[in-house]
C-alpha cells in the first residue's frame, strides 16, 4: 500500500490552542476521546504561531491527506482554507474540511447550522454530509492574494476587526463593544465600486462581499445568500449614520438591515472597490489583510465542507 493511500481516509487535525481564550487542554482531551469513540481515525498538529496552519496543512497534503478538521475559530478555518487554495499538489475540490468550533465568533458554522458544541460537531463529522462551496479570492493593491470562505469587507466591518484585537478578552461581547466603538469613531470614505457593467461612487459605511450569511459575531449584512450559487452577495451600506445604526441594531442580527433605504444589494462574480479619500481596512473572514483598493473574484465550488 502506498503512503498516499494510508492517509487518504484519515483525518488530519489542525488545532489552534489560543482559540476561545481558555481551557484548550481540557477541550483537546475531550475532542480526542470523542473522535476515538466514533472510530474516526486522525493525526494532528497544534499551531505554534500565527498562520502556522498554512505550513501544517500543506505538508499534510504532500503526505497524502485529503480530509482536514479545523479546531478553532473563524481565523483558524480561514488559514486552513488558504493553505488548501495555495497548494498545487491536488485539486482543491478533492479536499474536505470539517470544523470543531472553539473560537469567539464562529460565524462560518452558523450558515450550516453546525452547533458551537464539541460533541455535536463531531457527530456531524461522523455523518459525512458534504457540500462543495464557493471560495473568494482577494487581490490587494500590492498584488497580495488572500482567499476567504465566509465574508470579506471594506470600511466599518474591517475597522471593527481592527479594534477587536484589543477586546478579545471580553469573549462574544467583544464584537458588540468593537461595533459600538466603531459607531463613534469610524470615519466614512467615498468608495468607487465597479462590477459587471456598473460603477458606483458614493460615501460608504462599508462594502460587504459575502459567501455565507453571518459575520461580525452573528450579524447578517448580506441578502439571499447561497454559498454554492457561484455568485458573491454584495451589500453596499451607503451614508448610514450613527442614529440609523442605533435605531436598527436588531436588524444587523436579523438580516433586515439590507432592506434599509441606504443599503443596496447585488449578486456578481467579480468586484473592485477603491476607497478615494483614505486607505480603508480590508478584512477577510475576520482577519485584517491590508488597506486600500481590493478586487474580489469567485472560485466556483472550490472546496468540500462537512455540513449539518
C-alpha atoms as a PDB file:
ATOM      1  CA  UNK A   1       0.000   0.000   0.000  1.00  0.00           C
ATOM      2  CA  UNK A   2       1.399   3.411  -0.941  1.00  0.00           C
ATOM      3  CA  UNK A   3       2.000   6.132   1.654  1.00  0.00           C
ATOM      4  CA  UNK A   4      -0.721   8.218  -0.008  1.00  0.00           C
ATOM      5  CA  UNK A   5      -3.395   5.531   0.413  1.00  0.00           C
ATOM      6  CA  UNK A   6      -2.609   5.084   4.094  1.00  0.00           C
ATOM      7  CA  UNK A   7      -3.703   8.685   4.689  1.00  0.00           C
ATOM      8  CA  UNK A   8      -6.458   9.177   2.144  1.00  0.00           C
ATOM      9  CA  UNK A   9      -9.330   8.253   4.511  1.00  0.00           C
ATOM     10  CA  UNK A  10      -7.677   9.536   7.673  1.00  0.00           C
ATOM     11  CA  UNK A  11      -8.398  12.994   9.068  1.00  0.00           C
ATOM     12  CA  UNK A  12      -5.625  15.499   9.703  1.00  0.00           C
ATOM     13  CA  UNK A  13      -6.499  17.868  12.549  1.00  0.00           C
ATOM     14  CA  UNK A  14      -5.072  21.370  12.859  1.00  0.00           C
ATOM     15  CA  UNK A  15      -5.810  22.728  16.336  1.00  0.00           C
ATOM     16  CA  UNK A  16      -5.275  26.305  17.486  1.00  0.00           C
ATOM     17  CA  UNK A  17      -4.600  26.372  21.261  1.00  0.00           C
ATOM     18  CA  UNK A  18      -5.320  30.131  21.505  1.00  0.00           C
ATOM     19  CA  UNK A  19      -8.912  29.868  20.183  1.00  0.00           C
ATOM     20  CA  UNK A  20     -11.642  30.684  22.660  1.00  0.00           C
ATOM     21  CA  UNK A  21      -9.130  32.080  25.192  1.00  0.00           C
ATOM     22  CA  UNK A  22      -9.429  29.322  27.811  1.00  0.00           C
ATOM     23  CA  UNK A  23      -9.364  25.624  28.723  1.00  0.00           C
ATOM     24  CA  UNK A  24      -7.779  24.402  25.483  1.00  0.00           C
ATOM     25  CA  UNK A  25      -6.014  21.459  27.161  1.00  0.00           C
ATOM     26  CA  UNK A  26      -9.252  20.142  28.685  1.00  0.00           C
ATOM     27  CA  UNK A  27     -11.213  20.618  25.439  1.00  0.00           C
ATOM     28  CA  UNK A  28      -8.487  18.997  23.352  1.00  0.00           C
ATOM     29  CA  UNK A  29      -8.532  15.847  25.534  1.00  0.00           C
ATOM     30  CA  UNK A  30     -12.317  15.696  25.137  1.00  0.00           C
ATOM     31  CA  UNK A  31     -12.087  16.110  21.344  1.00  0.00           C
ATOM     32  CA  UNK A  32      -9.593  13.261  21.005  1.00  0.00           C
ATOM     33  CA  UNK A  33     -11.674  10.961  23.193  1.00  0.00           C
ATOM     34  CA  UNK A  34     -14.925  11.696  21.312  1.00  0.00           C
ATOM     35  CA  UNK A  35     -13.247  11.113  17.938  1.00  0.00           C
ATOM     36  CA  UNK A  36     -11.891   7.764  19.115  1.00  0.00           C
ATOM     37  CA  UNK A  37     -15.321   6.832  20.486  1.00  0.00           C
ATOM     38  CA  UNK A  38     -16.731   7.399  16.970  1.00  0.00           C
ATOM     39  CA  UNK A  39     -13.875   5.365  15.450  1.00  0.00           C
ATOM     40  CA  UNK A  40     -12.749   8.439  13.488  1.00  0.00           C
ATOM     41  CA  UNK A  41      -9.058   7.927  12.644  1.00  0.00           C
ATOM     42  CA  UNK A  42      -6.865  11.014  12.799  1.00  0.00           C
ATOM     43  CA  UNK A  43      -3.427  12.552  13.074  1.00  0.00           C
ATOM     44  CA  UNK A  44      -2.934  16.074  14.388  1.00  0.00           C
ATOM     45  CA  UNK A  45      -0.711  19.099  14.786  1.00  0.00           C
ATOM     46  CA  UNK A  46      -1.067  22.039  17.191  1.00  0.00           C
ATOM     47  CA  UNK A  47      -0.322  25.505  15.815  1.00  0.00           C
ATOM     48  CA  UNK A  48       2.581  27.313  17.433  1.00  0.00           C
ATOM     49  CA  UNK A  49       2.456  30.724  15.757  1.00  0.00           C
ATOM     50  CA  UNK A  50       0.203  32.892  13.578  1.00  0.00           C
ATOM     51  CA  UNK A  51      -0.567  31.298  10.182  1.00  0.00           C
ATOM     52  CA  UNK A  52       1.206  28.082  11.187  1.00  0.00           C
ATOM     53  CA  UNK A  53      -1.897  26.318   9.784  1.00  0.00           C
ATOM     54  CA  UNK A  54      -0.679  27.026   6.246  1.00  0.00           C
ATOM     55  CA  UNK A  55       2.593  25.133   6.685  1.00  0.00           C
ATOM     56  CA  UNK A  56       0.968  22.258   8.597  1.00  0.00           C
ATOM     57  CA  UNK A  57      -1.837  21.704   6.080  1.00  0.00           C
ATOM     58  CA  UNK A  58       0.395  21.939   3.022  1.00  0.00           C
ATOM     59  CA  UNK A  59       2.807  19.391   4.474  1.00  0.00           C
ATOM     60  CA  UNK A  60      -0.121  17.090   5.242  1.00  0.00           C
ATOM     61  CA  UNK A  61      -1.452  17.411   1.665  1.00  0.00           C
ATOM     62  CA  UNK A  62       2.004  16.391   0.397  1.00  0.00           C
ATOM     63  CA  UNK A  63       1.855  13.335   2.672  1.00  0.00           C
ATOM     64  CA  UNK A  64      -1.463  12.258   1.116  1.00  0.00           C
ATOM     65  CA  UNK A  65      -4.076  13.674   3.497  1.00  0.00           C
ATOM     66  CA  UNK A  66      -7.286  14.870   1.831  1.00  0.00           C
ATOM     67  CA  UNK A  67      -9.545  15.320   4.880  1.00  0.00           C
ATOM     68  CA  UNK A  68      -8.905  18.100   7.389  1.00  0.00           C
ATOM     69  CA  UNK A  69     -10.506  19.181  10.661  1.00  0.00           C
ATOM     70  CA  UNK A  70     -10.074  22.778  11.767  1.00  0.00           C
ATOM     71  CA  UNK A  71     -10.193  23.029  15.575  1.00  0.00           C
ATOM     72  CA  UNK A  72     -10.533  26.676  16.468  1.00  0.00           C
ATOM     73  CA  UNK A  73     -12.420  29.735  15.309  1.00  0.00           C
ATOM     74  CA  UNK A  74     -13.035  31.529  12.055  1.00  0.00           C
ATOM     75  CA  UNK A  75      -9.387  32.602  11.868  1.00  0.00           C
ATOM     76  CA  UNK A  76      -8.120  29.022  12.096  1.00  0.00           C
ATOM     77  CA  UNK A  77     -10.538  27.928   9.362  1.00  0.00           C
ATOM     78  CA  UNK A  78      -9.508  30.917   7.220  1.00  0.00           C
ATOM     79  CA  UNK A  79      -5.845  29.848   7.360  1.00  0.00           C
ATOM     80  CA  UNK A  80      -6.679  26.193   6.647  1.00  0.00           C
ATOM     81  CA  UNK A  81      -8.657  27.298   3.580  1.00  0.00           C
ATOM     82  CA  UNK A  82      -5.778  29.499   2.415  1.00  0.00           C
ATOM     83  CA  UNK A  83      -3.354  26.589   2.788  1.00  0.00           C
ATOM     84  CA  UNK A  84      -5.542  24.408   0.575  1.00  0.00           C
ATOM     85  CA  UNK A  85      -6.120  27.101  -2.051  1.00  0.00           C
ATOM     86  CA  UNK A  86      -2.408  27.954  -2.240  1.00  0.00           C
ATOM     87  CA  UNK A  87      -1.148  24.352  -2.630  1.00  0.00           C
ATOM     88  CA  UNK A  88      -0.622  22.867  -6.098  1.00  0.00           C
ATOM     89  CA  UNK A  89      -0.486  19.135  -5.336  1.00  0.00           C
ATOM     90  CA  UNK A  90      -4.163  18.219  -5.811  1.00  0.00           C
ATOM     91  CA  UNK A  91      -7.389  19.812  -6.997  1.00  0.00           C
ATOM     92  CA  UNK A  92      -8.845  21.858  -4.147  1.00  0.00           C
ATOM     93  CA  UNK A  93     -12.268  20.292  -4.765  1.00  0.00           C
ATOM     94  CA  UNK A  94     -10.776  16.890  -3.835  1.00  0.00           C
ATOM     95  CA  UNK A  95     -10.157  18.159  -0.299  1.00  0.00           C
ATOM     96  CA  UNK A  96     -12.703  18.104   2.533  1.00  0.00           C
ATOM     97  CA  UNK A  97     -12.725  20.397   5.580  1.00  0.00           C
ATOM     98  CA  UNK A  98     -14.698  19.872   8.792  1.00  0.00           C
ATOM     99  CA  UNK A  99     -14.846  22.200  11.801  1.00  0.00           C
ATOM    100  CA  UNK A 100     -14.843  21.630  15.543  1.00  0.00           C
ATOM    101  CA  UNK A 101     -15.541  25.164  16.827  1.00  0.00           C
ATOM    102  CA  UNK A 102     -13.570  26.647  19.719  1.00  0.00           C
ATOM    103  CA  UNK A 103     -13.348  30.304  18.698  1.00  0.00           C
ATOM    104  CA  UNK A 104     -15.034  33.504  19.853  1.00  0.00           C
ATOM    105  CA  UNK A 105     -17.155  34.376  16.830  1.00  0.00           C
ATOM    106  CA  UNK A 106     -17.573  31.112  14.908  1.00  0.00           C
ATOM    107  CA  UNK A 107     -19.577  32.826  12.169  1.00  0.00           C
ATOM    108  CA  UNK A 108     -18.974  30.357   9.330  1.00  0.00           C
ATOM    109  CA  UNK A 109     -20.604  27.426  11.171  1.00  0.00           C
ATOM    110  CA  UNK A 110     -23.863  29.383  11.650  1.00  0.00           C
ATOM    111  CA  UNK A 111     -24.673  29.279   7.917  1.00  0.00           C
ATOM    112  CA  UNK A 112     -24.680  25.474   8.040  1.00  0.00           C
ATOM    113  CA  UNK A 113     -26.411  25.073  11.430  1.00  0.00           C
ATOM    114  CA  UNK A 114     -23.333  23.488  12.988  1.00  0.00           C
ATOM    115  CA  UNK A 115     -23.711  23.985  16.762  1.00  0.00           C
ATOM    116  CA  UNK A 116     -20.973  25.669  18.753  1.00  0.00           C
ATOM    117  CA  UNK A 117     -20.604  22.425  20.647  1.00  0.00           C
ATOM    118  CA  UNK A 118     -17.726  19.942  20.515  1.00  0.00           C
ATOM    119  CA  UNK A 119     -19.783  16.738  20.850  1.00  0.00           C
ATOM    120  CA  UNK A 120     -22.441  17.759  18.310  1.00  0.00           C
ATOM    121  CA  UNK A 121     -19.891  18.988  15.769  1.00  0.00           C
ATOM    122  CA  UNK A 122     -18.100  15.613  15.951  1.00  0.00           C
ATOM    123  CA  UNK A 123     -21.423  13.823  15.396  1.00  0.00           C
ATOM    124  CA  UNK A 124     -21.836  15.955  12.238  1.00  0.00           C
ATOM    125  CA  UNK A 125     -18.336  14.968  11.050  1.00  0.00           C
ATOM    126  CA  UNK A 126     -19.273  11.323  11.576  1.00  0.00           C
ATOM    127  CA  UNK A 127     -22.367  11.739   9.352  1.00  0.00           C
ATOM    128  CA  UNK A 128     -20.090  12.795   6.444  1.00  0.00           C
ATOM    129  CA  UNK A 129     -22.584  15.108   4.714  1.00  0.00           C
ATOM    130  CA  UNK A 130     -20.603  17.492   2.465  1.00  0.00           C
ATOM    131  CA  UNK A 131     -21.207  20.469   0.203  1.00  0.00           C
ATOM    132  CA  UNK A 132     -18.962  21.966  -2.470  1.00  0.00           C
ATOM    133  CA  UNK A 133     -18.707  25.617  -1.509  1.00  0.00           C
ATOM    134  CA  UNK A 134     -17.535  28.627  -3.488  1.00  0.00           C
ATOM    135  CA  UNK A 135     -14.395  30.426  -2.275  1.00  0.00           C
ATOM    136  CA  UNK A 136     -13.480  34.071  -2.816  1.00  0.00           C
ATOM    137  CA  UNK A 137     -10.042  35.411  -3.673  1.00  0.00           C
ATOM    138  CA  UNK A 138      -8.994  38.968  -2.891  1.00  0.00           C
ATOM    139  CA  UNK A 139      -6.177  40.842  -4.583  1.00  0.00           C
ATOM    140  CA  UNK A 140      -4.942  43.969  -2.814  1.00  0.00           C
ATOM    141  CA  UNK A 141      -3.089  46.911  -4.349  1.00  0.00           C
ATOM    142  CA  UNK A 142       0.278  45.260  -3.548  1.00  0.00           C
ATOM    143  CA  UNK A 143      -0.842  42.176  -5.607  1.00  0.00           C
ATOM    144  CA  UNK A 144      -1.121  40.035  -2.490  1.00  0.00           C
ATOM    145  CA  UNK A 145      -3.698  37.216  -2.829  1.00  0.00           C
ATOM    146  CA  UNK A 146      -5.913  36.110   0.062  1.00  0.00           C
ATOM    147  CA  UNK A 147      -8.695  33.522  -0.039  1.00  0.00           C
ATOM    148  CA  UNK A 148     -11.866  33.640   2.053  1.00  0.00           C
ATOM    149  CA  UNK A 149     -14.676  31.188   2.812  1.00  0.00           C
ATOM    150  CA  UNK A 150     -17.185  33.345   4.696  1.00  0.00           C
ATOM    151  CA  UNK A 151     -17.219  37.105   4.058  1.00  0.00           C
ATOM    152  CA  UNK A 152     -14.873  39.967   3.268  1.00  0.00           C
ATOM    153  CA  UNK A 153     -15.380  43.687   3.573  1.00  0.00           C
ATOM    154  CA  UNK A 154     -14.019  47.205   3.488  1.00  0.00           C
ATOM    155  CA  UNK A 155     -14.921  50.008   5.838  1.00  0.00           C
ATOM    156  CA  UNK A 156     -16.809  49.814   9.119  1.00  0.00           C
ATOM    157  CA  UNK A 157     -16.735  45.996   9.462  1.00  0.00           C
ATOM    158  CA  UNK A 158     -12.958  45.873   8.881  1.00  0.00           C
ATOM    159  CA  UNK A 159     -12.479  48.790  11.302  1.00  0.00           C
ATOM    160  CA  UNK A 160     -14.306  46.680  13.916  1.00  0.00           C
ATOM    161  CA  UNK A 161     -11.969  43.737  13.197  1.00  0.00           C
ATOM    162  CA  UNK A 162      -9.007  46.031  13.862  1.00  0.00           C
ATOM    163  CA  UNK A 163     -10.484  47.094  17.223  1.00  0.00           C
ATOM    164  CA  UNK A 164     -11.342  43.502  18.183  1.00  0.00           C
ATOM    165  CA  UNK A 165      -7.683  42.667  18.709  1.00  0.00           C
ATOM    166  CA  UNK A 166      -7.722  44.716  21.937  1.00  0.00           C
ATOM    167  CA  UNK A 167     -11.112  43.420  23.125  1.00  0.00           C
ATOM    168  CA  UNK A 168     -10.859  39.629  22.612  1.00  0.00           C
ATOM    169  CA  UNK A 169     -10.716  39.036  26.373  1.00  0.00           C
ATOM    170  CA  UNK A 170     -14.394  40.065  26.562  1.00  0.00           C
ATOM    171  CA  UNK A 171     -15.383  36.947  24.567  1.00  0.00           C
ATOM    172  CA  UNK A 172     -18.571  37.128  22.474  1.00  0.00           C
ATOM    173  CA  UNK A 173     -19.329  40.622  23.848  1.00  0.00           C
ATOM    174  CA  UNK A 174     -16.132  41.898  22.214  1.00  0.00           C
ATOM    175  CA  UNK A 175     -17.904  42.144  18.839  1.00  0.00           C
ATOM    176  CA  UNK A 176     -20.642  44.346  20.250  1.00  0.00           C
ATOM    177  CA  UNK A 177     -18.131  46.529  22.113  1.00  0.00           C
ATOM    178  CA  UNK A 178     -15.996  46.946  18.982  1.00  0.00           C
ATOM    179  CA  UNK A 179     -19.138  47.754  16.996  1.00  0.00           C
ATOM    180  CA  UNK A 180     -20.167  50.483  19.439  1.00  0.00           C
ATOM    181  CA  UNK A 181     -16.647  51.926  19.379  1.00  0.00           C
ATOM    182  CA  UNK A 182     -16.791  51.987  15.584  1.00  0.00           C
ATOM    183  CA  UNK A 183     -20.106  53.864  15.632  1.00  0.00           C
ATOM    184  CA  UNK A 184     -18.400  56.751  17.418  1.00  0.00           C
ATOM    185  CA  UNK A 185     -15.003  56.846  15.731  1.00  0.00           C
ATOM    186  CA  UNK A 186     -15.155  55.326  12.234  1.00  0.00           C
ATOM    187  CA  UNK A 187     -14.984  57.975   9.500  1.00  0.00           C
ATOM    188  CA  UNK A 188     -16.839  57.053   6.299  1.00  0.00           C
ATOM    189  CA  UNK A 189     -14.973  57.137   2.994  1.00  0.00           C
ATOM    190  CA  UNK A 190     -16.003  57.688  -0.619  1.00  0.00           C
ATOM    191  CA  UNK A 191     -15.817  54.329  -2.408  1.00  0.00           C
ATOM    192  CA  UNK A 192     -15.548  53.754  -6.150  1.00  0.00           C
ATOM    193  CA  UNK A 193     -17.182  50.350  -6.742  1.00  0.00           C
ATOM    194  CA  UNK A 194     -17.078  48.541 -10.102  1.00  0.00           C
ATOM    195  CA  UNK A 195     -18.743  45.233 -11.065  1.00  0.00           C
ATOM    196  CA  UNK A 196     -20.326  43.864 -14.238  1.00  0.00           C
ATOM    197  CA  UNK A 197     -21.374  46.960 -16.208  1.00  0.00           C
ATOM    198  CA  UNK A 198     -21.926  49.145 -13.130  1.00  0.00           C
ATOM    199  CA  UNK A 199     -19.792  51.817 -11.496  1.00  0.00           C
ATOM    200  CA  UNK A 200     -20.957  53.333  -8.215  1.00  0.00           C
ATOM    201  CA  UNK A 201     -19.210  56.217  -6.452  1.00  0.00           C
ATOM    202  CA  UNK A 202     -20.690  57.004  -3.065  1.00  0.00           C
ATOM    203  CA  UNK A 203     -19.984  57.866   0.542  1.00  0.00           C
ATOM    204  CA  UNK A 204     -19.918  54.423   2.088  1.00  0.00           C
ATOM    205  CA  UNK A 205     -20.032  52.998   5.598  1.00  0.00           C
ATOM    206  CA  UNK A 206     -18.903  49.622   4.284  1.00  0.00           C
ATOM    207  CA  UNK A 207     -19.000  47.239   1.339  1.00  0.00           C
ATOM    208  CA  UNK A 208     -19.513  43.567   2.249  1.00  0.00           C
ATOM    209  CA  UNK A 209     -18.584  40.729  -0.123  1.00  0.00           C
ATOM    210  CA  UNK A 210     -20.453  37.687   1.144  1.00  0.00           C
ATOM    211  CA  UNK A 211     -20.322  33.958   0.519  1.00  0.00           C
ATOM    212  CA  UNK A 212     -22.067  32.908   3.738  1.00  0.00           C
ATOM    213  CA  UNK A 213     -24.703  34.541   5.939  1.00  0.00           C
ATOM    214  CA  UNK A 214     -23.023  35.708   9.141  1.00  0.00           C
ATOM    215  CA  UNK A 215     -20.059  37.877  10.135  1.00  0.00           C
ATOM    216  CA  UNK A 216     -19.003  40.143  12.995  1.00  0.00           C
ATOM    217  CA  UNK A 217     -20.216  37.768  15.708  1.00  0.00           C
ATOM    218  CA  UNK A 218     -23.617  36.876  14.295  1.00  0.00           C
ATOM    219  CA  UNK A 219     -24.504  39.961  12.258  1.00  0.00           C
ATOM    220  CA  UNK A 220     -26.100  39.468   8.826  1.00  0.00           C
ATOM    221  CA  UNK A 221     -25.051  42.029   6.237  1.00  0.00           C
ATOM    222  CA  UNK A 222     -25.974  40.089   3.083  1.00  0.00           C
ATOM    223  CA  UNK A 223     -29.185  39.104   1.294  1.00  0.00           C
ATOM    224  CA  UNK A 224     -30.400  35.815  -0.288  1.00  0.00           C
ATOM    225  CA  UNK A 225     -27.125  34.050   0.486  1.00  0.00           C
ATOM    226  CA  UNK A 226     -26.237  30.709  -1.098  1.00  0.00           C
ATOM    227  CA  UNK A 227     -22.601  29.733  -0.609  1.00  0.00           C
ATOM    228  CA  UNK A 228     -22.682  27.416  -3.639  1.00  0.00           C
ATOM    229  CA  UNK A 229     -24.584  29.524  -6.203  1.00  0.00           C
ATOM    230  CA  UNK A 230     -21.345  30.762  -7.842  1.00  0.00           C
ATOM    231  CA  UNK A 231     -22.072  34.416  -7.004  1.00  0.00           C
ATOM    232  CA  UNK A 232     -20.964  36.859  -4.332  1.00  0.00           C
ATOM    233  CA  UNK A 233     -23.713  38.584  -2.369  1.00  0.00           C
ATOM    234  CA  UNK A 234     -22.695  42.233  -2.232  1.00  0.00           C
ATOM    235  CA  UNK A 235     -24.077  44.807   0.209  1.00  0.00           C
ATOM    236  CA  UNK A 236     -23.179  48.466  -0.161  1.00  0.00           C
ATOM    237  CA  UNK A 237     -24.112  50.335   3.011  1.00  0.00           C
ATOM    238  CA  UNK A 238     -24.055  53.963   1.931  1.00  0.00           C
ATOM    239  CA  UNK A 239     -24.205  57.059   4.133  1.00  0.00           C
ATOM    240  CA  UNK A 240     -25.697  55.248   7.140  1.00  0.00           C
ATOM    241  CA  UNK A 241     -25.438  57.420  10.244  1.00  0.00           C
ATOM    242  CA  UNK A 242     -24.795  56.653  13.902  1.00  0.00           C
ATOM    243  CA  UNK A 243     -28.513  57.167  14.580  1.00  0.00           C
ATOM    244  CA  UNK A 244     -29.500  54.842  11.706  1.00  0.00           C
ATOM    245  CA  UNK A 245     -27.420  52.047  13.213  1.00  0.00           C
ATOM    246  CA  UNK A 246     -28.614  52.612  16.769  1.00  0.00           C
ATOM    247  CA  UNK A 247     -32.262  52.532  15.661  1.00  0.00           C
ATOM    248  CA  UNK A 248     -31.656  49.397  13.573  1.00  0.00           C
ATOM    249  CA  UNK A 249     -29.261  47.443  15.790  1.00  0.00           C
ATOM    250  CA  UNK A 250     -31.630  44.428  15.919  1.00  0.00           C
ATOM    251  CA  UNK A 251     -31.769  44.408  12.104  1.00  0.00           C
ATOM    252  CA  UNK A 252     -27.997  43.887  11.966  1.00  0.00           C
ATOM    253  CA  UNK A 253     -28.599  40.492  13.599  1.00  0.00           C
ATOM    254  CA  UNK A 254     -31.878  39.589  11.872  1.00  0.00           C
ATOM    255  CA  UNK A 255     -30.520  40.384   8.386  1.00  0.00           C
ATOM    256  CA  UNK A 256     -33.182  43.008   7.738  1.00  0.00           C
ATOM    257  CA  UNK A 257     -30.599  45.810   7.631  1.00  0.00           C
ATOM    258  CA  UNK A 258     -30.238  45.033   3.887  1.00  0.00           C
ATOM    259  CA  UNK A 259     -33.775  46.415   3.387  1.00  0.00           C
ATOM    260  CA  UNK A 260     -32.740  49.839   4.720  1.00  0.00           C
ATOM    261  CA  UNK A 261     -33.123  52.587   2.111  1.00  0.00           C
ATOM    262  CA  UNK A 262     -29.401  53.385   2.422  1.00  0.00           C
ATOM    263  CA  UNK A 263     -28.351  49.786   1.603  1.00  0.00           C
ATOM    264  CA  UNK A 264     -28.082  48.282  -1.876  1.00  0.00           C
ATOM    265  CA  UNK A 265     -27.580  44.580  -2.641  1.00  0.00           C
ATOM    266  CA  UNK A 266     -26.255  42.865  -5.747  1.00  0.00           C
ATOM    267  CA  UNK A 267     -25.009  39.490  -6.999  1.00  0.00           C
ATOM    268  CA  UNK A 268     -21.797  39.305  -9.011  1.00  0.00           C
ATOM    269  CA  UNK A 269     -18.763  37.101  -9.697  1.00  0.00           C
ATOM    270  CA  UNK A 270     -16.168  39.874  -9.546  1.00  0.00           C
ATOM    271  CA  UNK A 271     -15.970  43.294  -7.904  1.00  0.00           C
ATOM    272  CA  UNK A 272     -13.388  46.059  -7.418  1.00  0.00           C
ATOM    273  CA  UNK A 273     -13.635  48.520  -4.521  1.00  0.00           C
ATOM    274  CA  UNK A 274     -11.372  51.546  -4.243  1.00  0.00           C
ATOM    275  CA  UNK A 275     -11.594  53.991  -1.312  1.00  0.00           C
ATOM    276  CA  UNK A 276     -10.997  57.502  -2.630  1.00  0.00           C
ATOM    277  CA  UNK A 277     -10.011  59.699   0.303  1.00  0.00           C
ATOM    278  CA  UNK A 278      -8.175  57.439   2.751  1.00  0.00           C
ATOM    279  CA  UNK A 279      -6.846  53.896   2.981  1.00  0.00           C
ATOM    280  CA  UNK A 280      -9.647  51.826   4.474  1.00  0.00           C
ATOM    281  CA  UNK A 281      -9.039  48.500   6.260  1.00  0.00           C
ATOM    282  CA  UNK A 282      -9.888  45.266   4.410  1.00  0.00           C
ATOM    283  CA  UNK A 283     -10.982  42.144   6.300  1.00  0.00           C
ATOM    284  CA  UNK A 284     -11.444  38.553   5.163  1.00  0.00           C
ATOM    285  CA  UNK A 285     -13.190  36.073   7.499  1.00  0.00           C
ATOM    286  CA  UNK A 286     -12.457  38.427  10.395  1.00  0.00           C
ATOM    287  CA  UNK A 287      -8.734  38.689   9.587  1.00  0.00           C
ATOM    288  CA  UNK A 288      -7.186  42.017   8.580  1.00  0.00           C
ATOM    289  CA  UNK A 289      -5.397  41.621   5.255  1.00  0.00           C
ATOM    290  CA  UNK A 290      -4.489  45.177   4.216  1.00  0.00           C
ATOM    291  CA  UNK A 291      -5.808  48.601   3.311  1.00  0.00           C
ATOM    292  CA  UNK A 292      -6.969  50.445   0.214  1.00  0.00           C
ATOM    293  CA  UNK A 293      -8.084  49.052  -3.132  1.00  0.00           C
ATOM    294  CA  UNK A 294      -9.203  45.433  -3.447  1.00  0.00           C
ATOM    295  CA  UNK A 295     -10.513  43.184  -6.225  1.00  0.00           C
ATOM    296  CA  UNK A 296     -12.566  40.066  -5.382  1.00  0.00           C
ATOM    297  CA  UNK A 297     -13.236  37.111  -7.681  1.00  0.00           C
ATOM    298  CA  UNK A 298     -15.286  33.999  -7.034  1.00  0.00           C
ATOM    299  CA  UNK A 299     -13.866  30.495  -7.418  1.00  0.00           C
ATOM    300  CA  UNK A 300     -16.814  28.212  -8.049  1.00  0.00           C
ATOM    301  CA  UNK A 301     -17.364  25.102  -5.895  1.00  0.00           C
ATOM    302  CA  UNK A 302     -13.738  25.087  -4.811  1.00  0.00           C
ATOM    303  CA  UNK A 303     -13.650  23.073  -1.536  1.00  0.00           C
ATOM    304  CA  UNK A 304     -15.812  20.399   0.092  1.00  0.00           C
ATOM    305  CA  UNK A 305     -17.029  21.206   3.611  1.00  0.00           C
ATOM    306  CA  UNK A 306     -18.722  18.926   6.114  1.00  0.00           C
ATOM    307  CA  UNK A 307     -22.103  20.464   6.986  1.00  0.00           C
ATOM    308  CA  UNK A 308     -25.170  19.649   9.067  1.00  0.00           C
END
